[in-house]
Amino acid sequence: KLAQDADDESSAALIGDRMRVHEKTAWMLRAMLPR
């Protein structure tokens, strides 16, 4: 949000990409946990 408000699209894209990687990794780790 802050990067978008400052018209810093490259930082916003970088942060968005990093968040997607973290969300995917967290999903994979949760999927491997025993139930």
C-alpha atoms as a PDB file:
ATOM      1  CA  LYS A   1       0.000   0.000   0.000  1.00  0.00           C
ATOM      2  CA  LEU A   2       2.750   2.453   0.917  1.00  0.00           C
ATOM      3  CA  ALA A   3       4.690   1.721  -2.267  1.00  0.00           C
ATOM      4  CA  GLN A   4       1.557   2.221  -4.357  1.00  0.00           C
ATOM      5  CA  ASP A   5       0.794   5.516  -2.618  1.00  0.00           C
ATOM      6  CA  ALA A   6       4.331   6.693  -3.400  1.00  0.00           C
ATOM      7  CA  ASP A   7       3.969   5.631  -7.072  1.00  0.00           C
ATOM      8  CA  ASP A   8       6.791   3.116  -6.561  1.00  0.00           C
ATOM      9  CA  GLU A   9       5.480   0.319  -8.766  1.00  0.00           C
ATOM     10  CA  SER A  10       8.743  -1.634  -8.861  1.00  0.00           C
ATOM     11  CA  SER A  11       8.828  -1.961  -5.072  1.00  0.00           C
ATOM     12  CA  ALA A  12       5.133  -2.835  -4.973  1.00  0.00           C
ATOM     13  CA  ALA A  13       5.701  -5.588  -7.562  1.00  0.00           C
ATOM     14  CA  LEU A  14       8.720  -6.931  -5.684  1.00  0.00           C
ATOM     15  CA  ILE A  15       6.812  -7.037  -2.394  1.00  0.00           C
ATOM     16  CA  GLY A  16       3.818  -8.672  -4.068  1.00  0.00           C
ATOM     17  CA  ASP A  17       6.022 -11.355  -5.617  1.00  0.00           C
ATOM     18  CA  ARG A  18       7.718 -12.016  -2.281  1.00  0.00           C
ATOM     19  CA  MET A  19       4.359 -12.325  -0.503  1.00  0.00           C
ATOM     20  CA  ARG A  20       3.156 -14.869  -3.091  1.00  0.00           C
ATOM     21  CA  VAL A  21       6.304 -16.969  -2.536  1.00  0.00           C
ATOM     22  CA  HIS A  22       5.819 -16.864   1.242  1.00  0.00           C
ATOM     23  CA  GLU A  23       2.136 -17.776   0.976  1.00  0.00           C
ATOM     24  CA  LYS A  24       2.942 -20.723  -1.316  1.00  0.00           C
ATOM     25  CA  THR A  25       5.702 -21.942   1.010  1.00  0.00           C
ATOM     26  CA  ALA A  26       3.438 -21.651   4.055  1.00  0.00           C
ATOM     27  CA  TRP A  27       0.716 -23.612   2.232  1.00  0.00           C
ATOM     28  CA  MET A  28       3.179 -26.393   1.340  1.00  0.00           C
ATOM     29  CA  LEU A  29       4.468 -26.603   4.915  1.00  0.00           C
ATOM     30  CA  ARG A  30       0.926 -26.744   6.324  1.00  0.00           C
ATOM     31  CA  ALA A  31       0.054 -29.480   3.814  1.00  0.00           C
ATOM     32  CA  MET A  32       2.953 -31.605   5.092  1.00  0.00           C
ATOM     33  CA  LEU A  33       1.913 -31.371   8.757  1.00  0.00           C
ATOM     34  CA  PRO A  34       0.368 -34.526  10.185  1.00  0.00           C
ATOM     35  CA  ARG A  35      -3.294 -34.226  10.990  1.00  0.00           C
END
